[in-house]
Structures are given as C-alpha cells and as structure tokens.
Amino acid sequence: YIGELDIESMSEQAIKGYVEGLEDEYTEYLTKAEYEELLVSVTGDYVGIGIYMTQDANGNIIVLMPIENSPAESAGILPNDIILSIDGESTQNMDIELASTKIKGQEGTTVDIEILRGTETIKKKIERKKVVIPDSKSEVLEGNIGYIMLATFDENSSDNVKKYLSEFKSKGIDSVIIDLRSNTGGIVTEAISFSEL
C-alpha cells in the first residue's frame, strides 16, 4: 500500500469485522464516535432536523418517522421517505451513522435533503434546531381506552409509562393499548423495567 496508513482506523475496522463474525444482528462493536451518537439517541436532546432512520438490505436510508414538533416534521418529511442525498452527496450504501452525522450540525445552519416518496423526488432545505426527543405520549381514546405510544426505551421511559398507567387508573380506565410501532429500541434495562410493569 503506497498511501499513509491510519493504524487507529484499521484497528477499529479489524475489531468491527471480528465482532461481525458472530453473525448476530444484535451484537456490534461501536467506535468512540458511534458510542457517543448512541448515547445522544437514547438519553437526550441534540441539534439536527429530528428524524428516526433505518437502513434496508439494499443500502437505502429510510425515514422511520419524524420526531414530533421537529424541523423535519415542519418540513413535511414523512415515514418511509427514502433519503437519496444529503447536501448533494448520495446516501446509497452510506453508513447510517455517517448519514446521521452529516444531517446534524450547528443550530441555525441548514441541510439540503433529497428524498424519494413513491416515484416523486423531493428536495428540502431544513434548518437545524435543538430537537427535544419525546420518548412517549398518552391519550384517552373513544370507548374509555387508554393509549400509550412509546417511541424509544430511553432514560425514564418506564417511569413515564408507569405515570400514564396511574393516571388511567385514577380515571377508571382499565383497557390500555401500548403502541410500540416504529420503536427504535434503546436502553435494555429500561425495556426490562417496562416489561415488568
């Protein structure tokens, strides 16, 4: 190899490959930057446009859903939108952590997103803002049914669900729907605490 060797990067990739050899979709090695990204996603707020994303087997980056009251929601980003490019750079086979990093940035700056919705290609310029990540919400549905939507298992999510259940009980509600659709996961101990409620 005639270029400069980045030993640290090579070591990180070697460890990633070693762990991937387990062939367990729930086990992965995270670099320091990736770990910090994970902590932001499960513990707090950040500056960006406010979307949950996933990556399919073809390398497409797909919007799971925009975060409520986020710049992405205000800009009309919808679930199942495919992100084609970020600031003019194609996302085809781009690592999802890298895509997330490129979407985030300083508050008040903008990012150009090109999306595919069905057969329509749409371009959006979205201003980055501080995004408050709600882990859950509750409401009472017709027929006196309690409804809880749980978007992530982040810090205190099980406590929030416990609070909702207590409020439902005080209102005489004994039927509850817990909506885990589009739940992006999070902290294992919180998921366990939730399951034991």
N, C-alpha and C. Protein backbone atom coordinates (compact mmCIF):
# COMPACT_ATOMS: atom_id res chain seq x y z
N TYR A 1 0.86 -1.19 0.00
CA TYR A 1 0.00 0.00 0.00
C TYR A 1 0.89 1.23 0.00
N ILE A 2 0.66 2.14 -0.96
CA ILE A 2 1.58 3.28 -1.13
C ILE A 2 1.11 4.54 -0.42
N GLY A 3 -0.11 4.50 0.17
CA GLY A 3 -0.62 5.67 0.87
C GLY A 3 -0.21 5.68 2.34
N GLU A 4 -0.72 6.66 3.07
CA GLU A 4 -0.47 6.75 4.50
C GLU A 4 -1.38 5.76 5.23
N LEU A 5 -0.84 5.04 6.17
CA LEU A 5 -1.62 4.08 6.96
C LEU A 5 -2.23 4.78 8.18
N ASP A 6 -3.53 4.61 8.36
CA ASP A 6 -4.21 5.10 9.56
C ASP A 6 -4.42 3.89 10.46
N ILE A 7 -3.44 3.65 11.32
CA ILE A 7 -3.44 2.43 12.14
C ILE A 7 -4.66 2.37 13.06
N GLU A 8 -5.05 3.52 13.61
CA GLU A 8 -6.20 3.54 14.51
C GLU A 8 -7.47 3.12 13.77
N SER A 9 -7.67 3.69 12.59
CA SER A 9 -8.85 3.35 11.79
C SER A 9 -8.82 1.88 11.37
N MET A 10 -7.66 1.40 10.97
CA MET A 10 -7.52 -0.01 10.56
C MET A 10 -7.82 -0.95 11.73
N SER A 11 -7.37 -0.58 12.91
CA SER A 11 -7.63 -1.40 14.10
C SER A 11 -9.12 -1.44 14.41
N GLU A 12 -9.77 -0.26 14.32
CA GLU A 12 -11.21 -0.20 14.58
C GLU A 12 -11.97 -1.10 13.60
N GLN A 13 -11.60 -1.03 12.32
CA GLN A 13 -12.29 -1.83 11.30
C GLN A 13 -12.02 -3.32 11.50
N ALA A 14 -10.79 -3.67 11.95
CA ALA A 14 -10.47 -5.07 12.22
C ALA A 14 -11.34 -5.62 13.35
N ILE A 15 -11.52 -4.81 14.40
CA ILE A 15 -12.36 -5.22 15.53
C ILE A 15 -13.81 -5.35 15.08
N LYS A 16 -14.28 -4.40 14.26
CA LYS A 16 -15.66 -4.46 13.75
C LYS A 16 -15.87 -5.77 12.98
N GLY A 17 -14.92 -6.11 12.10
CA GLY A 17 -15.03 -7.34 11.32
C GLY A 17 -15.02 -8.58 12.21
N TYR A 18 -14.20 -8.55 13.25
CA TYR A 18 -14.11 -9.68 14.19
C TYR A 18 -15.45 -9.91 14.87
N VAL A 19 -16.08 -8.81 15.34
CA VAL A 19 -17.36 -8.92 16.03
C VAL A 19 -18.47 -9.32 15.05
N GLU A 20 -18.41 -8.81 13.82
CA GLU A 20 -19.42 -9.18 12.82
C GLU A 20 -19.38 -10.66 12.51
N GLY A 21 -18.23 -11.31 12.76
CA GLY A 21 -18.09 -12.75 12.54
C GLY A 21 -19.02 -13.56 13.41
N LEU A 22 -19.56 -12.95 14.46
CA LEU A 22 -20.54 -13.64 15.30
C LEU A 22 -21.85 -13.90 14.55
N GLU A 23 -22.10 -13.07 13.51
CA GLU A 23 -23.32 -13.15 12.72
C GLU A 23 -24.58 -13.03 13.60
N ASP A 24 -24.48 -12.13 14.58
CA ASP A 24 -25.61 -11.85 15.47
C ASP A 24 -26.02 -10.40 15.22
N GLU A 25 -27.25 -10.20 14.69
CA GLU A 25 -27.68 -8.86 14.33
C GLU A 25 -27.79 -7.92 15.53
N TYR A 26 -27.81 -8.45 16.75
CA TYR A 26 -27.95 -7.62 17.94
C TYR A 26 -26.61 -7.33 18.62
N THR A 27 -25.52 -7.80 18.03
CA THR A 27 -24.20 -7.56 18.61
C THR A 27 -23.36 -6.77 17.62
N GLU A 28 -22.82 -5.65 18.08
CA GLU A 28 -21.94 -4.88 17.21
C GLU A 28 -20.91 -4.13 18.04
N TYR A 29 -19.81 -3.81 17.40
CA TYR A 29 -18.75 -3.02 18.03
C TYR A 29 -18.93 -1.56 17.63
N LEU A 30 -18.90 -0.67 18.59
CA LEU A 30 -19.05 0.76 18.32
C LEU A 30 -17.75 1.50 18.58
N THR A 31 -17.39 2.38 17.66
CA THR A 31 -16.25 3.25 17.90
C THR A 31 -16.66 4.29 18.94
N LYS A 32 -15.69 5.08 19.39
CA LYS A 32 -15.99 6.12 20.39
C LYS A 32 -17.05 7.08 19.85
N ALA A 33 -16.91 7.50 18.59
CA ALA A 33 -17.87 8.44 17.99
C ALA A 33 -19.25 7.81 17.87
N GLU A 34 -19.29 6.54 17.47
CA GLU A 34 -20.58 5.84 17.33
C GLU A 34 -21.25 5.65 18.67
N TYR A 35 -20.44 5.38 19.70
CA TYR A 35 -21.00 5.21 21.05
C TYR A 35 -21.59 6.52 21.56
N GLU A 36 -20.88 7.64 21.31
CA GLU A 36 -21.40 8.95 21.72
C GLU A 36 -22.71 9.25 20.99
N GLU A 37 -22.78 8.87 19.71
CA GLU A 37 -24.00 9.04 18.93
C GLU A 37 -25.15 8.25 19.54
N LEU A 38 -24.86 7.02 19.96
CA LEU A 38 -25.87 6.17 20.58
C LEU A 38 -26.37 6.80 21.88
N LEU A 39 -25.46 7.34 22.69
CA LEU A 39 -25.86 7.96 23.95
C LEU A 39 -26.80 9.13 23.71
N VAL A 40 -26.53 9.93 22.67
CA VAL A 40 -27.41 11.05 22.34
C VAL A 40 -28.80 10.52 21.99
N SER A 41 -28.84 9.43 21.21
CA SER A 41 -30.13 8.93 20.72
C SER A 41 -30.99 8.35 21.83
N VAL A 42 -30.36 7.87 22.91
CA VAL A 42 -31.16 7.22 23.96
C VAL A 42 -31.25 8.02 25.26
N THR A 43 -30.50 9.11 25.35
CA THR A 43 -30.51 9.81 26.64
C THR A 43 -30.89 11.28 26.57
N GLY A 44 -30.95 11.87 25.38
CA GLY A 44 -31.20 13.30 25.44
C GLY A 44 -31.49 13.96 24.13
N ASP A 45 -31.38 15.29 24.15
CA ASP A 45 -31.71 16.12 23.02
C ASP A 45 -30.44 16.40 22.21
N TYR A 46 -30.63 16.87 20.98
CA TYR A 46 -29.49 17.16 20.12
C TYR A 46 -29.90 18.21 19.10
N VAL A 47 -28.92 18.70 18.33
CA VAL A 47 -29.20 19.66 17.27
C VAL A 47 -29.21 18.93 15.94
N GLY A 48 -30.30 19.06 15.20
CA GLY A 48 -30.44 18.39 13.91
C GLY A 48 -31.79 18.72 13.33
N ILE A 49 -32.35 17.76 12.56
CA ILE A 49 -33.66 18.00 11.96
C ILE A 49 -34.75 17.14 12.61
N GLY A 50 -34.36 16.10 13.34
CA GLY A 50 -35.34 15.34 14.11
C GLY A 50 -36.04 14.22 13.36
N ILE A 51 -35.27 13.20 12.97
CA ILE A 51 -35.88 12.03 12.34
C ILE A 51 -35.27 10.76 12.91
N TYR A 52 -36.09 9.71 12.93
CA TYR A 52 -35.59 8.36 13.20
C TYR A 52 -35.38 7.70 11.85
N MET A 53 -34.21 7.07 11.65
CA MET A 53 -33.88 6.46 10.36
C MET A 53 -33.50 5.00 10.54
N THR A 54 -33.60 4.25 9.43
CA THR A 54 -33.10 2.89 9.38
C THR A 54 -32.48 2.68 8.01
N GLN A 55 -31.79 1.56 7.84
CA GLN A 55 -31.17 1.25 6.56
C GLN A 55 -31.59 -0.14 6.13
N ASP A 56 -32.09 -0.27 4.89
CA ASP A 56 -32.55 -1.58 4.43
C ASP A 56 -31.41 -2.39 3.82
N ALA A 57 -31.72 -3.60 3.38
CA ALA A 57 -30.70 -4.52 2.85
C ALA A 57 -30.06 -4.00 1.57
N ASN A 58 -30.73 -3.07 0.89
CA ASN A 58 -30.19 -2.50 -0.35
C ASN A 58 -29.35 -1.26 -0.11
N GLY A 59 -29.18 -0.89 1.16
CA GLY A 59 -28.37 0.29 1.49
C GLY A 59 -29.13 1.59 1.49
N ASN A 60 -30.46 1.53 1.29
CA ASN A 60 -31.27 2.75 1.30
C ASN A 60 -31.48 3.24 2.73
N ILE A 61 -31.37 4.54 2.94
CA ILE A 61 -31.64 5.13 4.24
C ILE A 61 -33.09 5.62 4.25
N ILE A 62 -33.88 5.06 5.15
CA ILE A 62 -35.32 5.27 5.15
C ILE A 62 -35.75 5.94 6.44
N VAL A 63 -36.65 6.91 6.32
CA VAL A 63 -37.20 7.60 7.48
C VAL A 63 -38.22 6.68 8.16
N LEU A 64 -37.97 6.38 9.43
CA LEU A 64 -38.98 5.64 10.20
C LEU A 64 -40.12 6.57 10.58
N MET A 65 -39.73 7.74 11.09
CA MET A 65 -40.73 8.76 11.40
C MET A 65 -40.03 10.03 11.84
N PRO A 66 -40.64 11.19 11.57
CA PRO A 66 -40.07 12.43 12.10
C PRO A 66 -40.46 12.57 13.57
N ILE A 67 -39.60 13.21 14.34
CA ILE A 67 -39.89 13.46 15.75
C ILE A 67 -40.92 14.58 15.85
N GLU A 68 -41.85 14.42 16.76
CA GLU A 68 -42.92 15.39 16.93
C GLU A 68 -42.36 16.78 17.21
N ASN A 69 -42.92 17.80 16.54
CA ASN A 69 -42.52 19.20 16.69
C ASN A 69 -41.07 19.47 16.26
N SER A 70 -40.54 18.63 15.39
CA SER A 70 -39.16 18.80 14.92
C SER A 70 -39.13 19.56 13.60
N PRO A 71 -37.95 20.07 13.19
CA PRO A 71 -37.84 20.71 11.88
C PRO A 71 -38.25 19.78 10.73
N ALA A 72 -37.93 18.49 10.86
CA ALA A 72 -38.29 17.53 9.81
C ALA A 72 -39.80 17.42 9.67
N GLU A 73 -40.52 17.37 10.81
CA GLU A 73 -41.98 17.30 10.76
C GLU A 73 -42.54 18.58 10.13
N SER A 74 -41.99 19.73 10.51
CA SER A 74 -42.46 21.00 9.95
C SER A 74 -42.20 21.08 8.45
N ALA A 75 -41.11 20.44 7.98
CA ALA A 75 -40.76 20.48 6.56
C ALA A 75 -41.55 19.45 5.75
N GLY A 76 -42.35 18.62 6.42
CA GLY A 76 -43.18 17.66 5.70
C GLY A 76 -42.53 16.33 5.42
N ILE A 77 -41.43 16.01 6.12
CA ILE A 77 -40.81 14.68 5.98
C ILE A 77 -41.77 13.65 6.56
N LEU A 78 -41.95 12.52 5.84
CA LEU A 78 -42.92 11.50 6.24
C LEU A 78 -42.26 10.14 6.43
N PRO A 79 -42.89 9.25 7.22
CA PRO A 79 -42.39 7.88 7.33
C PRO A 79 -42.29 7.23 5.94
N ASN A 80 -41.26 6.43 5.77
CA ASN A 80 -40.98 5.68 4.53
C ASN A 80 -40.38 6.54 3.42
N ASP A 81 -40.15 7.85 3.66
CA ASP A 81 -39.38 8.63 2.70
C ASP A 81 -37.97 8.03 2.63
N ILE A 82 -37.44 7.90 1.42
CA ILE A 82 -36.08 7.41 1.23
C ILE A 82 -35.16 8.61 1.03
N ILE A 83 -34.13 8.71 1.85
CA ILE A 83 -33.19 9.83 1.74
C ILE A 83 -32.17 9.49 0.66
N LEU A 84 -32.22 10.23 -0.45
CA LEU A 84 -31.34 9.97 -1.59
C LEU A 84 -29.98 10.66 -1.45
N SER A 85 -30.01 11.89 -0.89
CA SER A 85 -28.75 12.62 -0.75
C SER A 85 -28.83 13.61 0.40
N ILE A 86 -27.66 13.95 0.93
CA ILE A 86 -27.52 14.94 1.99
C ILE A 86 -26.50 15.96 1.52
N ASP A 87 -26.94 17.21 1.38
CA ASP A 87 -26.08 18.28 0.86
C ASP A 87 -25.42 17.87 -0.45
N GLY A 88 -26.20 17.21 -1.32
CA GLY A 88 -25.71 16.84 -2.64
C GLY A 88 -24.93 15.55 -2.70
N GLU A 89 -24.63 14.94 -1.56
CA GLU A 89 -23.86 13.69 -1.54
C GLU A 89 -24.82 12.50 -1.47
N SER A 90 -24.68 11.57 -2.40
CA SER A 90 -25.55 10.39 -2.44
C SER A 90 -25.41 9.57 -1.17
N THR A 91 -26.53 9.04 -0.68
CA THR A 91 -26.51 8.21 0.53
C THR A 91 -26.51 6.71 0.20
N GLN A 92 -26.49 6.37 -1.10
CA GLN A 92 -26.52 4.95 -1.47
C GLN A 92 -25.33 4.23 -0.84
N ASN A 93 -25.62 3.25 0.00
CA ASN A 93 -24.61 2.47 0.72
C ASN A 93 -23.77 3.29 1.70
N MET A 94 -24.22 4.52 2.02
CA MET A 94 -23.55 5.31 3.05
C MET A 94 -23.88 4.71 4.41
N ASP A 95 -22.91 4.62 5.27
CA ASP A 95 -23.14 4.11 6.62
C ASP A 95 -24.16 5.02 7.31
N ILE A 96 -25.12 4.42 8.00
CA ILE A 96 -26.21 5.21 8.58
C ILE A 96 -25.70 6.16 9.67
N GLU A 97 -24.64 5.76 10.39
CA GLU A 97 -24.07 6.66 11.40
C GLU A 97 -23.45 7.89 10.74
N LEU A 98 -22.81 7.67 9.58
CA LEU A 98 -22.22 8.79 8.85
C LEU A 98 -23.32 9.71 8.34
N ALA A 99 -24.41 9.13 7.83
CA ALA A 99 -25.54 9.94 7.35
C ALA A 99 -26.11 10.77 8.48
N SER A 100 -26.24 10.17 9.65
CA SER A 100 -26.77 10.89 10.81
C SER A 100 -25.87 12.06 11.18
N THR A 101 -24.56 11.83 11.14
CA THR A 101 -23.59 12.88 11.46
C THR A 101 -23.69 14.03 10.46
N LYS A 102 -23.88 13.71 9.18
CA LYS A 102 -23.96 14.74 8.15
C LYS A 102 -25.25 15.56 8.27
N ILE A 103 -26.33 14.92 8.74
CA ILE A 103 -27.60 15.63 8.91
C ILE A 103 -27.54 16.58 10.11
N LYS A 104 -26.83 16.17 11.14
CA LYS A 104 -26.69 17.03 12.32
C LYS A 104 -25.69 18.16 12.04
N GLY A 105 -25.69 19.14 12.91
CA GLY A 105 -24.75 20.26 12.73
C GLY A 105 -25.08 21.37 13.70
N GLN A 106 -24.54 22.54 13.44
CA GLN A 106 -24.75 23.67 14.34
C GLN A 106 -26.16 24.22 14.20
N GLU A 107 -26.71 24.63 15.33
CA GLU A 107 -28.05 25.21 15.33
C GLU A 107 -28.10 26.46 14.47
N GLY A 108 -29.14 26.56 13.64
CA GLY A 108 -29.30 27.72 12.77
C GLY A 108 -28.77 27.50 11.37
N THR A 109 -27.95 26.45 11.17
CA THR A 109 -27.48 26.14 9.82
C THR A 109 -28.53 25.28 9.12
N THR A 110 -28.39 25.12 7.80
CA THR A 110 -29.36 24.33 7.05
C THR A 110 -28.69 23.12 6.41
N VAL A 111 -29.53 22.14 6.09
CA VAL A 111 -29.06 20.95 5.38
C VAL A 111 -30.03 20.69 4.22
N ASP A 112 -29.49 20.36 3.06
CA ASP A 112 -30.30 20.04 1.89
C ASP A 112 -30.50 18.53 1.82
N ILE A 113 -31.75 18.12 1.87
CA ILE A 113 -32.11 16.70 1.83
C ILE A 113 -32.91 16.43 0.55
N GLU A 114 -32.51 15.41 -0.18
CA GLU A 114 -33.30 14.96 -1.33
C GLU A 114 -33.92 13.62 -0.97
N ILE A 115 -35.24 13.52 -1.12
CA ILE A 115 -35.94 12.30 -0.74
C ILE A 115 -36.72 11.73 -1.92
N LEU A 116 -36.97 10.45 -1.85
CA LEU A 116 -37.83 9.76 -2.81
C LEU A 116 -39.08 9.33 -2.08
N ARG A 117 -40.24 9.80 -2.55
CA ARG A 117 -41.53 9.44 -1.95
C ARG A 117 -42.36 8.80 -3.06
N GLY A 118 -42.47 7.48 -3.03
CA GLY A 118 -43.12 6.78 -4.12
C GLY A 118 -42.26 6.90 -5.36
N THR A 119 -42.77 7.60 -6.39
CA THR A 119 -41.98 7.84 -7.60
C THR A 119 -41.53 9.29 -7.71
N GLU A 120 -41.87 10.09 -6.69
CA GLU A 120 -41.58 11.52 -6.73
C GLU A 120 -40.30 11.85 -5.95
N THR A 121 -39.42 12.61 -6.60
CA THR A 121 -38.20 13.09 -5.94
C THR A 121 -38.46 14.50 -5.43
N ILE A 122 -38.16 14.71 -4.14
CA ILE A 122 -38.46 15.99 -3.49
C ILE A 122 -37.19 16.51 -2.82
N LYS A 123 -36.95 17.81 -2.98
CA LYS A 123 -35.80 18.45 -2.32
C LYS A 123 -36.30 19.34 -1.19
N LYS A 124 -35.62 19.25 -0.06
CA LYS A 124 -35.98 20.05 1.12
C LYS A 124 -34.73 20.72 1.69
N LYS A 125 -34.87 21.99 2.04
CA LYS A 125 -33.81 22.69 2.79
C LYS A 125 -34.37 22.87 4.20
N ILE A 126 -33.70 22.26 5.17
CA ILE A 126 -34.24 22.22 6.53
C ILE A 126 -33.24 22.87 7.49
N GLU A 127 -33.74 23.77 8.33
CA GLU A 127 -32.88 24.42 9.32
C GLU A 127 -32.70 23.50 10.52
N ARG A 128 -31.45 23.35 10.95
CA ARG A 128 -31.14 22.54 12.12
C ARG A 128 -31.51 23.30 13.39
N LYS A 129 -32.17 22.63 14.29
CA LYS A 129 -32.54 23.22 15.57
C LYS A 129 -32.33 22.20 16.69
N LYS A 130 -32.40 22.68 17.91
CA LYS A 130 -32.34 21.75 19.04
C LYS A 130 -33.63 20.92 19.01
N VAL A 131 -33.45 19.61 19.02
CA VAL A 131 -34.58 18.68 18.94
C VAL A 131 -34.81 18.05 20.30
N VAL A 132 -36.00 18.23 20.82
CA VAL A 132 -36.38 17.61 22.09
C VAL A 132 -37.00 16.26 21.76
N ILE A 133 -36.43 15.20 22.30
CA ILE A 133 -36.86 13.85 21.95
C ILE A 133 -37.89 13.35 22.95
N PRO A 134 -39.17 13.32 22.57
CA PRO A 134 -40.18 12.75 23.48
C PRO A 134 -40.14 11.23 23.37
N ASP A 135 -40.02 10.54 24.50
CA ASP A 135 -39.96 9.08 24.41
C ASP A 135 -41.34 8.45 24.37
N SER A 136 -42.38 9.24 24.74
CA SER A 136 -43.71 8.65 24.81
C SER A 136 -44.77 9.74 24.87
N LYS A 137 -46.01 9.32 24.68
CA LYS A 137 -47.15 10.20 24.89
C LYS A 137 -48.36 9.33 25.20
N SER A 138 -49.38 9.94 25.81
CA SER A 138 -50.58 9.18 26.14
C SER A 138 -51.82 10.00 25.83
N GLU A 139 -52.92 9.31 25.63
CA GLU A 139 -54.22 9.96 25.45
C GLU A 139 -55.31 8.95 25.74
N VAL A 140 -56.53 9.46 25.91
CA VAL A 140 -57.69 8.59 26.12
C VAL A 140 -58.48 8.53 24.83
N LEU A 141 -58.68 7.31 24.31
CA LEU A 141 -59.40 7.12 23.06
C LEU A 141 -60.89 6.92 23.31
N GLU A 142 -61.64 6.97 22.24
CA GLU A 142 -63.07 6.72 22.32
C GLU A 142 -63.32 5.33 22.91
N GLY A 143 -64.34 5.23 23.75
CA GLY A 143 -64.63 3.96 24.42
C GLY A 143 -63.89 3.82 25.73
N ASN A 144 -63.33 4.98 26.23
CA ASN A 144 -62.62 4.99 27.51
C ASN A 144 -61.43 4.03 27.51
N ILE A 145 -60.65 4.08 26.43
CA ILE A 145 -59.47 3.23 26.28
C ILE A 145 -58.22 4.09 26.40
N GLY A 146 -57.30 3.69 27.23
CA GLY A 146 -56.04 4.40 27.36
C GLY A 146 -55.10 4.02 26.23
N TYR A 147 -54.36 5.01 25.75
CA TYR A 147 -53.41 4.77 24.64
C TYR A 147 -52.06 5.35 25.03
N ILE A 148 -51.02 4.52 24.90
CA ILE A 148 -49.65 4.96 25.18
C ILE A 148 -48.79 4.65 23.96
N MET A 149 -48.13 5.67 23.42
CA MET A 149 -47.17 5.47 22.34
C MET A 149 -45.77 5.58 22.93
N LEU A 150 -44.96 4.55 22.73
CA LEU A 150 -43.60 4.53 23.26
C LEU A 150 -42.63 4.48 22.10
N ALA A 151 -41.93 5.60 21.83
CA ALA A 151 -41.05 5.71 20.66
C ALA A 151 -39.67 5.11 20.90
N THR A 152 -39.18 5.20 22.13
CA THR A 152 -37.86 4.67 22.46
C THR A 152 -37.85 4.18 23.90
N PHE A 153 -36.89 3.33 24.20
CA PHE A 153 -36.66 2.93 25.58
C PHE A 153 -35.47 3.74 26.09
N ASP A 154 -35.69 5.04 26.33
CA ASP A 154 -34.59 5.87 26.82
C ASP A 154 -34.74 6.06 28.32
N GLU A 155 -33.87 6.89 28.87
CA GLU A 155 -33.87 7.10 30.32
C GLU A 155 -35.25 7.56 30.79
N ASN A 156 -35.76 6.92 31.83
CA ASN A 156 -37.02 7.28 32.48
C ASN A 156 -38.27 6.90 31.68
N SER A 157 -38.12 6.18 30.55
CA SER A 157 -39.31 5.84 29.77
C SER A 157 -40.25 4.92 30.55
N SER A 158 -39.70 3.98 31.32
CA SER A 158 -40.56 3.09 32.11
C SER A 158 -41.28 3.87 33.21
N ASP A 159 -40.61 4.88 33.79
CA ASP A 159 -41.25 5.73 34.80
C ASP A 159 -42.41 6.52 34.19
N ASN A 160 -42.20 7.00 32.95
CA ASN A 160 -43.26 7.75 32.27
C ASN A 160 -44.47 6.86 32.00
N VAL A 161 -44.22 5.62 31.56
CA VAL A 161 -45.33 4.70 31.30
C VAL A 161 -46.06 4.39 32.61
N LYS A 162 -45.31 4.22 33.68
CA LYS A 162 -45.92 3.96 34.99
C LYS A 162 -46.83 5.13 35.39
N LYS A 163 -46.39 6.36 35.11
CA LYS A 163 -47.18 7.56 35.41
C LYS A 163 -48.47 7.56 34.59
N TYR A 164 -48.35 7.23 33.30
CA TYR A 164 -49.54 7.18 32.44
C TYR A 164 -50.54 6.15 32.96
N LEU A 165 -50.05 4.97 33.34
CA LEU A 165 -50.93 3.91 33.83
C LEU A 165 -51.64 4.34 35.11
N SER A 166 -50.91 5.05 35.97
CA SER A 166 -51.50 5.54 37.21
C SER A 166 -52.61 6.56 36.91
N GLU A 167 -52.36 7.45 35.93
CA GLU A 167 -53.37 8.43 35.54
C GLU A 167 -54.60 7.74 34.97
N PHE A 168 -54.39 6.70 34.15
CA PHE A 168 -55.51 5.95 33.59
C PHE A 168 -56.33 5.30 34.70
N LYS A 169 -55.63 4.73 35.68
CA LYS A 169 -56.32 4.04 36.78
C LYS A 169 -57.18 5.03 37.57
N SER A 170 -56.64 6.24 37.79
CA SER A 170 -57.39 7.24 38.56
C SER A 170 -58.64 7.70 37.80
N LYS A 171 -58.64 7.52 36.48
CA LYS A 171 -59.79 7.89 35.66
C LYS A 171 -60.74 6.72 35.42
N GLY A 172 -60.42 5.57 36.02
CA GLY A 172 -61.28 4.40 35.87
C GLY A 172 -61.09 3.65 34.56
N ILE A 173 -59.97 3.90 33.91
CA ILE A 173 -59.70 3.21 32.64
C ILE A 173 -58.97 1.90 32.92
N ASP A 174 -59.53 0.80 32.40
CA ASP A 174 -58.89 -0.49 32.65
C ASP A 174 -58.48 -1.22 31.35
N SER A 175 -58.67 -0.57 30.20
CA SER A 175 -58.21 -1.12 28.92
C SER A 175 -57.16 -0.17 28.34
N VAL A 176 -56.00 -0.71 28.01
CA VAL A 176 -54.90 0.14 27.55
C VAL A 176 -54.26 -0.46 26.29
N ILE A 177 -54.01 0.39 25.32
CA ILE A 177 -53.25 0.00 24.12
C ILE A 177 -51.85 0.59 24.27
N ILE A 178 -50.83 -0.25 24.13
CA ILE A 178 -49.45 0.24 24.15
C ILE A 178 -48.90 0.08 22.74
N ASP A 179 -48.55 1.19 22.12
CA ASP A 179 -48.13 1.23 20.73
C ASP A 179 -46.60 1.26 20.64
N LEU A 180 -46.03 0.16 20.16
CA LEU A 180 -44.58 0.07 20.00
C LEU A 180 -44.16 0.13 18.54
N ARG A 181 -45.08 0.48 17.65
CA ARG A 181 -44.72 0.61 16.24
C ARG A 181 -43.67 1.71 16.08
N SER A 182 -42.70 1.45 15.26
CA SER A 182 -41.60 2.40 14.98
C SER A 182 -40.74 2.67 16.20
N ASN A 183 -40.87 1.84 17.27
CA ASN A 183 -39.98 2.00 18.42
C ASN A 183 -38.56 1.68 17.98
N THR A 184 -37.64 2.59 18.28
CA THR A 184 -36.27 2.44 17.78
C THR A 184 -35.34 1.74 18.76
N GLY A 185 -35.89 1.18 19.84
CA GLY A 185 -35.05 0.49 20.82
C GLY A 185 -34.50 1.46 21.84
N GLY A 186 -33.36 1.11 22.43
CA GLY A 186 -32.78 2.00 23.44
C GLY A 186 -32.05 1.22 24.52
N ILE A 187 -32.30 1.59 25.76
CA ILE A 187 -31.57 1.01 26.90
C ILE A 187 -32.26 -0.28 27.34
N VAL A 188 -31.50 -1.36 27.39
CA VAL A 188 -32.05 -2.68 27.71
C VAL A 188 -32.74 -2.68 29.07
N THR A 189 -32.10 -2.06 30.07
CA THR A 189 -32.68 -2.07 31.41
C THR A 189 -34.03 -1.35 31.45
N GLU A 190 -34.19 -0.31 30.61
CA GLU A 190 -35.48 0.38 30.55
C GLU A 190 -36.54 -0.52 29.90
N ALA A 191 -36.14 -1.26 28.87
CA ALA A 191 -37.08 -2.18 28.23
C ALA A 191 -37.52 -3.27 29.20
N ILE A 192 -36.59 -3.74 30.01
CA ILE A 192 -36.91 -4.76 31.01
C ILE A 192 -37.86 -4.18 32.07
N SER A 193 -37.55 -2.98 32.54
CA SER A 193 -38.41 -2.34 33.54
C SER A 193 -39.81 -2.13 32.99
N PHE A 194 -39.89 -1.75 31.72
CA PHE A 194 -41.19 -1.56 31.06
C PHE A 194 -41.97 -2.87 31.02
N SER A 195 -41.29 -3.95 30.66
CA SER A 195 -41.98 -5.24 30.52
C SER A 195 -42.47 -5.79 31.85
N GLU A 196 -41.89 -5.28 32.95
CA GLU A 196 -42.28 -5.76 34.28
C GLU A 196 -43.35 -4.93 34.94
N LEU A 197 -43.83 -3.87 34.25
CA LEU A 197 -44.86 -3.01 34.85
C LEU A 197 -46.19 -3.76 35.00
